[in-house]
Amino acid sequence: MNGAQPSAGNMFELDAIAACFIGGASTTGGIGRLSGALIGGLIMAVMSNGMQLMGTSTSTQQIVKGAVLLLAVAFDVWNKQRASA
């Protein structure tokens, strides 16, 4: 029936990883909730949709998503250091 395509999820790796970290997953592991991952996914979807509606190029979208991922990881690391001190 050709209902499923094996390449349907290509190039969504950055979105999935960023959604997990925005949702509260930790870089060291052991922390994270399903509700946080869902909220992170919604944030990434709204951000992607908004940039597409504004006509932003694909490369610029990837840069913005990467910057958001870096900010989420940096916040997690800063939060861990603050908690241990």
PDB file of N, CA and C in Angstrom:
ATOM      1  N   MET A   1       0.802  -1.187   0.000  1.00  0.00           N
ATOM      2  CA  MET A   1       0.000   0.000   0.000  1.00  0.00           C
ATOM      3  C   MET A   1       0.849   1.257   0.000  1.00  0.00           C
ATOM      4  N   ASN A   2       2.140   1.147   0.207  1.00  0.00           N
ATOM      5  CA  ASN A   2       3.044   2.292   0.250  1.00  0.00           C
ATOM      6  C   ASN A   2       2.612   3.328   1.291  1.00  0.00           C
ATOM      7  N   GLY A   3       2.133   2.854   2.430  1.00  0.00           N
ATOM      8  CA  GLY A   3       1.661   3.751   3.478  1.00  0.00           C
ATOM      9  C   GLY A   3       2.785   4.336   4.319  1.00  0.00           C
ATOM     10  N   ALA A   4       3.899   3.645   4.418  1.00  0.00           N
ATOM     11  CA  ALA A   4       5.013   4.106   5.249  1.00  0.00           C
ATOM     12  C   ALA A   4       6.250   4.284   4.387  1.00  0.00           C
ATOM     13  N   GLN A   5       6.987   5.321   4.674  1.00  0.00           N
ATOM     14  CA  GLN A   5       8.220   5.593   3.956  1.00  0.00           C
ATOM     15  C   GLN A   5       9.394   5.460   4.923  1.00  0.00           C
ATOM     16  N   PRO A   6      10.437   4.731   4.562  1.00  0.00           N
ATOM     17  CA  PRO A   6      11.563   4.559   5.486  1.00  0.00           C
ATOM     18  C   PRO A   6      12.335   5.847   5.742  1.00  0.00           C
ATOM     19  N   SER A   7      12.181   6.831   4.895  1.00  0.00           N
ATOM     20  CA  SER A   7      12.913   8.081   5.073  1.00  0.00           C
ATOM     21  C   SER A   7      12.047   9.188   5.663  1.00  0.00           C
ATOM     22  N   ALA A   8      10.920   8.839   6.269  1.00  0.00           N
ATOM     23  CA  ALA A   8       9.973   9.841   6.763  1.00  0.00           C
ATOM     24  C   ALA A   8      10.539  10.669   7.910  1.00  0.00           C
ATOM     25  N   GLY A   9      11.435  10.131   8.726  1.00  0.00           N
ATOM     26  CA  GLY A   9      11.944  10.858   9.882  1.00  0.00           C
ATOM     27  C   GLY A   9      13.333  11.434   9.701  1.00  0.00           C
ATOM     28  N   ASN A  10      13.829  11.426   8.488  1.00  0.00           N
ATOM     29  CA  ASN A  10      15.165  11.972   8.257  1.00  0.00           C
ATOM     30  C   ASN A  10      15.212  13.467   8.554  1.00  0.00           C
ATOM     31  N   MET A  11      16.308  13.907   9.107  1.00  0.00           N
ATOM     32  CA  MET A  11      16.593  15.312   9.415  1.00  0.00           C
ATOM     33  C   MET A  11      15.744  15.847  10.573  1.00  0.00           C
ATOM     34  N   PHE A  12      15.176  14.981  11.390  1.00  0.00           N
ATOM     35  CA  PHE A  12      14.441  15.417  12.574  1.00  0.00           C
ATOM     36  C   PHE A  12      15.199  15.099  13.854  1.00  0.00           C
ATOM     37  N   GLU A  13      16.457  14.666  13.725  1.00  0.00           N
ATOM     38  CA  GLU A  13      17.235  14.294  14.890  1.00  0.00           C
ATOM     39  C   GLU A  13      17.497  15.493  15.794  1.00  0.00           C
ATOM     40  N   LEU A  14      17.838  16.629  15.208  1.00  0.00           N
ATOM     41  CA  LEU A  14      18.106  17.834  15.989  1.00  0.00           C
ATOM     42  C   LEU A  14      16.860  18.269  16.740  1.00  0.00           C
ATOM     43  N   ASP A  15      15.714  18.196  16.099  1.00  0.00           N
ATOM     44  CA  ASP A  15      14.458  18.569  16.754  1.00  0.00           C
ATOM     45  C   ASP A  15      14.164  17.652  17.937  1.00  0.00           C
ATOM     46  N   ALA A  16      14.376  16.355  17.763  1.00  0.00           N
ATOM     47  CA  ALA A  16      14.076  15.400  18.829  1.00  0.00           C
ATOM     48  C   ALA A  16      15.001  15.594  20.028  1.00  0.00           C
ATOM     49  N   ILE A  17      16.277  15.785  19.780  1.00  0.00           N
ATOM     50  CA  ILE A  17      17.227  15.974  20.876  1.00  0.00           C
ATOM     51  C   ILE A  17      16.957  17.293  21.581  1.00  0.00           C
ATOM     52  N   ALA A  18      16.713  18.345  20.827  1.00  0.00           N
ATOM     53  CA  ALA A  18      16.426  19.646  21.432  1.00  0.00           C
ATOM     54  C   ALA A  18      15.138  19.597  22.241  1.00  0.00           C
ATOM     55  N   ALA A  19      14.134  18.893  21.754  1.00  0.00           N
ATOM     56  CA  ALA A  19      12.876  18.785  22.498  1.00  0.00           C
ATOM     57  C   ALA A  19      13.090  18.100  23.838  1.00  0.00           C
ATOM     58  N   CYS A  20      13.921  17.083  23.865  1.00  0.00           N
ATOM     59  CA  CYS A  20      14.188  16.384  25.131  1.00  0.00           C
ATOM     60  C   CYS A  20      14.899  17.299  26.121  1.00  0.00           C
ATOM     61  N   PHE A  21      15.898  18.035  25.667  1.00  0.00           N
ATOM     62  CA  PHE A  21      16.632  18.905  26.584  1.00  0.00           C
ATOM     63  C   PHE A  21      15.804  20.111  27.010  1.00  0.00           C
ATOM     64  N   ILE A  22      14.993  20.646  26.119  1.00  0.00           N
ATOM     65  CA  ILE A  22      14.108  21.748  26.499  1.00  0.00           C
ATOM     66  C   ILE A  22      13.093  21.252  27.526  1.00  0.00           C
ATOM     67  N   GLY A  23      12.654  20.023  27.378  1.00  0.00           N
ATOM     68  CA  GLY A  23      11.683  19.442  28.291  1.00  0.00           C
ATOM     69  C   GLY A  23      12.238  19.060  29.643  1.00  0.00           C
ATOM     70  N   GLY A  24      13.537  19.136  29.841  1.00  0.00           N
ATOM     71  CA  GLY A  24      14.098  18.897  31.160  1.00  0.00           C
ATOM     72  C   GLY A  24      14.963  17.668  31.293  1.00  0.00           C
ATOM     73  N   ALA A  25      15.255  16.963  30.217  1.00  0.00           N
ATOM     74  CA  ALA A  25      16.155  15.822  30.325  1.00  0.00           C
ATOM     75  C   ALA A  25      17.555  16.319  30.666  1.00  0.00           C
ATOM     76  N   SER A  26      18.274  15.529  31.430  1.00  0.00           N
ATOM     77  CA  SER A  26      19.601  15.932  31.886  1.00  0.00           C
ATOM     78  C   SER A  26      20.691  15.333  31.005  1.00  0.00           C
ATOM     79  N   THR A  27      21.803  16.026  30.892  1.00  0.00           N
ATOM     80  CA  THR A  27      22.929  15.508  30.123  1.00  0.00           C
ATOM     81  C   THR A  27      23.599  14.348  30.841  1.00  0.00           C
ATOM     82  N   THR A  28      23.452  14.287  32.160  1.00  0.00           N
ATOM     83  CA  THR A  28      24.079  13.211  32.932  1.00  0.00           C
ATOM     84  C   THR A  28      23.160  12.021  33.100  1.00  0.00           C
ATOM     85  N   GLY A  29      21.907  12.142  32.699  1.00  0.00           N
ATOM     86  CA  GLY A  29      20.968  11.031  32.744  1.00  0.00           C
ATOM     87  C   GLY A  29      20.212  10.951  34.052  1.00  0.00           C
ATOM     88  N   GLY A  30      19.178  10.122  34.051  1.00  0.00           N
ATOM     89  CA  GLY A  30      18.419   9.861  35.254  1.00  0.00           C
ATOM     90  C   GLY A  30      17.315  10.850  35.559  1.00  0.00           C
ATOM     91  N   ILE A  31      17.233  11.935  34.820  1.00  0.00           N
ATOM     92  CA  ILE A  31      16.211  12.943  35.087  1.00  0.00           C
ATOM     93  C   ILE A  31      15.445  13.196  33.797  1.00  0.00           C
ATOM     94  N   GLY A  32      14.164  13.340  33.927  1.00  0.00           N
ATOM     95  CA  GLY A  32      13.336  13.645  32.764  1.00  0.00           C
ATOM     96  C   GLY A  32      11.972  13.015  32.922  1.00  0.00           C
ATOM     97  N   ARG A  33      10.975  13.662  32.360  1.00  0.00           N
ATOM     98  CA  ARG A  33       9.615  13.162  32.436  1.00  0.00           C
ATOM     99  C   ARG A  33       8.985  13.223  31.053  1.00  0.00           C
ATOM    100  N   LEU A  34       7.992  12.400  30.856  1.00  0.00           N
ATOM    101  CA  LEU A  34       7.292  12.370  29.586  1.00  0.00           C
ATOM    102  C   LEU A  34       6.602  13.706  29.309  1.00  0.00           C
ATOM    103  N   SER A  35       6.011  14.289  30.329  1.00  0.00           N
ATOM    104  CA  SER A  35       5.327  15.568  30.132  1.00  0.00           C
ATOM    105  C   SER A  35       6.311  16.654  29.699  1.00  0.00           C
ATOM    106  N   GLY A  36       7.523  16.638  30.247  1.00  0.00           N
ATOM    107  CA  GLY A  36       8.537  17.603  29.841  1.00  0.00           C
ATOM    108  C   GLY A  36       8.950  17.422  28.392  1.00  0.00           C
ATOM    109  N   ALA A  37       9.104  16.171  27.977  1.00  0.00           N
ATOM    110  CA  ALA A  37       9.464  15.901  26.581  1.00  0.00           C
ATOM    111  C   ALA A  37       8.355  16.350  25.635  1.00  0.00           C
ATOM    112  N   LEU A  38       7.104  16.153  26.040  1.00  0.00           N
ATOM    113  CA  LEU A  38       5.983  16.601  25.205  1.00  0.00           C
ATOM    114  C   LEU A  38       5.950  18.124  25.105  1.00  0.00           C
ATOM    115  N   ILE A  39       6.187  18.798  26.200  1.00  0.00           N
ATOM    116  CA  ILE A  39       6.223  20.262  26.172  1.00  0.00           C
ATOM    117  C   ILE A  39       7.389  20.749  25.315  1.00  0.00           C
ATOM    118  N   GLY A  40       8.532  20.101  25.449  1.00  0.00           N
ATOM    119  CA  GLY A  40       9.678  20.451  24.607  1.00  0.00           C
ATOM    120  C   GLY A  40       9.385  20.231  23.135  1.00  0.00           C
ATOM    121  N   GLY A  41       8.679  19.144  22.819  1.00  0.00           N
ATOM    122  CA  GLY A  41       8.288  18.885  21.432  1.00  0.00           C
ATOM    123  C   GLY A  41       7.337  19.937  20.898  1.00  0.00           C
ATOM    124  N   LEU A  42       6.403  20.363  21.733  1.00  0.00           N
ATOM    125  CA  LEU A  42       5.481  21.420  21.320  1.00  0.00           C
ATOM    126  C   LEU A  42       6.212  22.738  21.086  1.00  0.00           C
ATOM    127  N   ILE A  43       7.172  23.052  21.950  1.00  0.00           N
ATOM    128  CA  ILE A  43       7.951  24.282  21.766  1.00  0.00           C
ATOM    129  C   ILE A  43       8.720  24.231  20.459  1.00  0.00           C
ATOM    130  N   MET A  44       9.361  23.095  20.183  1.00  0.00           N
ATOM    131  CA  MET A  44      10.119  22.969  18.935  1.00  0.00           C
ATOM    132  C   MET A  44       9.192  23.027  17.721  1.00  0.00           C
ATOM    133  N   ALA A  45       8.020  22.426  17.813  1.00  0.00           N
ATOM    134  CA  ALA A  45       7.084  22.443  16.685  1.00  0.00           C
ATOM    135  C   ALA A  45       6.582  23.850  16.416  1.00  0.00           C
ATOM    136  N   VAL A  46       6.253  24.591  17.460  1.00  0.00           N
ATOM    137  CA  VAL A  46       5.790  25.966  17.285  1.00  0.00           C
ATOM    138  C   VAL A  46       6.908  26.829  16.698  1.00  0.00           C
ATOM    139  N   MET A  47       8.128  26.622  17.201  1.00  0.00           N
ATOM    140  CA  MET A  47       9.263  27.389  16.692  1.00  0.00           C
ATOM    141  C   MET A  47       9.519  27.072  15.211  1.00  0.00           C
ATOM    142  N   SER A  48       9.482  25.794  14.853  1.00  0.00           N
ATOM    143  CA  SER A  48       9.699  25.403  13.455  1.00  0.00           C
ATOM    144  C   SER A  48       8.598  25.939  12.552  1.00  0.00           C
ATOM    145  N   ASN A  49       7.368  25.815  12.992  1.00  0.00           N
ATOM    146  CA  ASN A  49       6.244  26.299  12.199  1.00  0.00           C
ATOM    147  C   ASN A  49       6.325  27.810  12.032  1.00  0.00           C
ATOM    148  N   GLY A  50       6.635  28.525  13.086  1.00  0.00           N
ATOM    149  CA  GLY A  50       6.747  29.978  13.009  1.00  0.00           C
ATOM    150  C   GLY A  50       7.831  30.427  12.044  1.00  0.00           C
ATOM    151  N   MET A  51       8.980  29.745  12.089  1.00  0.00           N
ATOM    152  CA  MET A  51      10.059  30.127  11.172  1.00  0.00           C
ATOM    153  C   MET A  51       9.699  29.803   9.734  1.00  0.00           C
ATOM    154  N   GLN A  52       8.969  28.699   9.507  1.00  0.00           N
ATOM    155  CA  GLN A  52       8.546  28.372   8.147  1.00  0.00           C
ATOM    156  C   GLN A  52       7.529  29.386   7.632  1.00  0.00           C
ATOM    157  N   LEU A  53       6.609  29.800   8.492  1.00  0.00           N
ATOM    158  CA  LEU A  53       5.616  30.792   8.080  1.00  0.00           C
ATOM    159  C   LEU A  53       6.260  32.149   7.798  1.00  0.00           C
ATOM    160  N   MET A  54       7.356  32.464   8.486  1.00  0.00           N
ATOM    161  CA  MET A  54       8.063  33.724   8.240  1.00  0.00           C
ATOM    162  C   MET A  54       8.930  33.647   6.991  1.00  0.00           C
ATOM    163  N   GLY A  55       9.110  32.452   6.437  1.00  0.00           N
ATOM    164  CA  GLY A  55       9.900  32.304   5.229  1.00  0.00           C
ATOM    165  C   GLY A  55      11.399  32.199   5.488  1.00  0.00           C
ATOM    166  N   THR A  56      11.767  31.780   6.680  1.00  0.00           N
ATOM    167  CA  THR A  56      13.180  31.637   7.024  1.00  0.00           C
ATOM    168  C   THR A  56      13.773  30.461   6.256  1.00  0.00           C
ATOM    169  N   SER A  57      14.993  30.611   5.800  1.00  0.00           N
ATOM    170  CA  SER A  57      15.636  29.536   5.042  1.00  0.00           C
ATOM    171  C   SER A  57      15.916  28.344   5.959  1.00  0.00           C
ATOM    172  N   THR A  58      16.069  27.185   5.342  1.00  0.00           N
ATOM    173  CA  THR A  58      16.279  25.956   6.099  1.00  0.00           C
ATOM    174  C   THR A  58      17.571  26.005   6.891  1.00  0.00           C
ATOM    175  N   SER A  59      18.614  26.561   6.319  1.00  0.00           N
ATOM    176  CA  SER A  59      19.892  26.621   7.037  1.00  0.00           C
ATOM    177  C   SER A  59      19.797  27.542   8.249  1.00  0.00           C
ATOM    178  N   THR A  60      19.085  28.638   8.122  1.00  0.00           N
ATOM    179  CA  THR A  60      18.903  29.537   9.264  1.00  0.00           C
ATOM    180  C   THR A  60      18.058  28.864  10.341  1.00  0.00           C
ATOM    181  N   GLN A  61      17.064  28.097   9.941  1.00  0.00           N
ATOM    182  CA  GLN A  61      16.254  27.366  10.912  1.00  0.00           C
ATOM    183  C   GLN A  61      17.114  26.389  11.705  1.00  0.00           C
ATOM    184  N   GLN A  62      18.009  25.691  11.021  1.00  0.00           N
ATOM    185  CA  GLN A  62      18.895  24.741  11.710  1.00  0.00           C
ATOM    186  C   GLN A  62      19.832  25.456  12.682  1.00  0.00           C
ATOM    187  N   ILE A  63      20.305  26.632  12.300  1.00  0.00           N
ATOM    188  CA  ILE A  63      21.181  27.404  13.186  1.00  0.00           C
ATOM    189  C   ILE A  63      20.422  27.837  14.433  1.00  0.00           C
ATOM    190  N   VAL A  64      19.201  28.311  14.262  1.00  0.00           N
ATOM    191  CA  VAL A  64      18.400  28.746  15.409  1.00  0.00           C
ATOM    192  C   VAL A  64      18.079  27.559  16.318  1.00  0.00           C
ATOM    193  N   LYS A  65      17.725  26.436  15.739  1.00  0.00           N
ATOM    194  CA  LYS A  65      17.437  25.244  16.540  1.00  0.00           C
ATOM    195  C   LYS A  65      18.676  24.773  17.287  1.00  0.00           C
ATOM    196  N   GLY A  66      19.829  24.836  16.629  1.00  0.00           N
ATOM    197  CA  GLY A  66      21.078  24.468  17.299  1.00  0.00           C
ATOM    198  C   GLY A  66      21.406  25.410  18.441  1.00  0.00           C
ATOM    199  N   ALA A  67      21.147  26.697  18.260  1.00  0.00           N
ATOM    200  CA  ALA A  67      21.385  27.666  19.329  1.00  0.00           C
ATOM    201  C   ALA A  67      20.457  27.414  20.510  1.00  0.00           C
ATOM    202  N   VAL A  68      19.204  27.070  20.233  1.00  0.00           N
ATOM    203  CA  VAL A  68      18.255  26.749  21.301  1.00  0.00           C
ATOM    204  C   VAL A  68      18.718  25.502  22.049  1.00  0.00           C
ATOM    205  N   LEU A  69      19.219  24.514  21.324  1.00  0.00           N
ATOM    206  CA  LEU A  69      19.742  23.309  21.959  1.00  0.00           C
ATOM    207  C   LEU A  69      20.940  23.635  22.832  1.00  0.00           C
ATOM    208  N   LEU A  70      21.851  24.453  22.343  1.00  0.00           N
ATOM    209  CA  LEU A  70      23.009  24.850  23.144  1.00  0.00           C
ATOM    210  C   LEU A  70      22.593  25.590  24.404  1.00  0.00           C
ATOM    211  N   LEU A  71      21.613  26.468  24.295  1.00  0.00           N
ATOM    212  CA  LEU A  71      21.119  27.183  25.479  1.00  0.00           C
ATOM    213  C   LEU A  71      20.490  26.231  26.486  1.00  0.00           C
ATOM    214  N   ALA A  72      19.746  25.244  26.013  1.00  0.00           N
ATOM    215  CA  ALA A  72      19.113  24.287  26.917  1.00  0.00           C
ATOM    216  C   ALA A  72      20.160  23.446  27.642  1.00  0.00           C
ATOM    217  N   VAL A  73      21.189  22.998  26.930  1.00  0.00           N
ATOM    218  CA  VAL A  73      22.249  22.204  27.553  1.00  0.00           C
ATOM    219  C   VAL A  73      23.064  23.063  28.512  1.00  0.00           C
ATOM    220  N   ALA A  74      23.367  24.297  28.119  1.00  0.00           N
ATOM    221  CA  ALA A  74      24.119  25.185  29.004  1.00  0.00           C
ATOM    222  C   ALA A  74      23.335  25.469  30.285  1.00  0.00           C
ATOM    223  N   PHE A  75      22.021  25.647  30.164  1.00  0.00           N
ATOM    224  CA  PHE A  75      21.196  25.870  31.351  1.00  0.00           C
ATOM    225  C   PHE A  75      21.210  24.643  32.256  1.00  0.00           C
ATOM    226  N   ASP A  76      21.166  23.441  31.663  1.00  0.00           N
ATOM    227  CA  ASP A  76      21.207  22.218  32.451  1.00  0.00           C
ATOM    228  C   ASP A  76      22.522  22.085  33.201  1.00  0.00           C
ATOM    229  N   VAL A  77      23.621  22.346  32.526  1.00  0.00           N
ATOM    230  CA  VAL A  77      24.936  22.257  33.165  1.00  0.00           C
ATOM    231  C   VAL A  77      25.052  23.306  34.269  1.00  0.00           C
ATOM    232  N   TRP A  78      24.607  24.525  34.003  1.00  0.00           N
ATOM    233  CA  TRP A  78      24.660  25.585  35.023  1.00  0.00           C
ATOM    234  C   TRP A  78      23.806  25.228  36.222  1.00  0.00           C
ATOM    235  N   ASN A  79      22.646  24.658  35.976  1.00  0.00           N
ATOM    236  CA  ASN A  79      21.745  24.259  37.051  1.00  0.00           C
ATOM    237  C   ASN A  79      22.368  23.164  37.906  1.00  0.00           C
ATOM    238  N   LYS A  80      23.050  22.194  37.284  1.00  0.00           N
ATOM    239  CA  LYS A  80      23.729  21.126  38.016  1.00  0.00           C
ATOM    240  C   LYS A  80      24.860  21.671  38.878  1.00  0.00           C
ATOM    241  N   GLN A  81      25.644  22.610  38.336  1.00  0.00           N
ATOM    242  CA  GLN A  81      26.739  23.196  39.099  1.00  0.00           C
ATOM    243  C   GLN A  81      26.215  24.008  40.273  1.00  0.00           C
ATOM    244  N   ARG A  82      25.135  24.724  40.071  1.00  0.00           N
ATOM    245  CA  ARG A  82      24.548  25.524  41.135  1.00  0.00           C
ATOM    246  C   ARG A  82      23.990  24.632  42.236  1.00  0.00           C
ATOM    247  N   ALA A  83      23.391  23.500  41.866  1.00  0.00           N
ATOM    248  CA  ALA A  83      22.818  22.595  42.843  1.00  0.00           C
ATOM    249  C   ALA A  83      23.894  21.883  43.679  1.00  0.00           C
ATOM    250  N   SER A  84      25.031  21.588  43.042  1.00  0.00           N
ATOM    251  CA  SER A  84      26.096  20.886  43.769  1.00  0.00           C
ATOM    252  C   SER A  84      26.905  21.811  44.659  1.00  0.00           C
ATOM    253  N   ALA A  85      26.844  23.114  44.423  1.00  0.00           N
ATOM    254  CA  ALA A  85      27.631  24.059  45.234  1.00  0.00           C
ATOM    255  C   ALA A  85      26.926  24.442  46.511  1.00  0.00           C
TER     256      ALA A  85
END
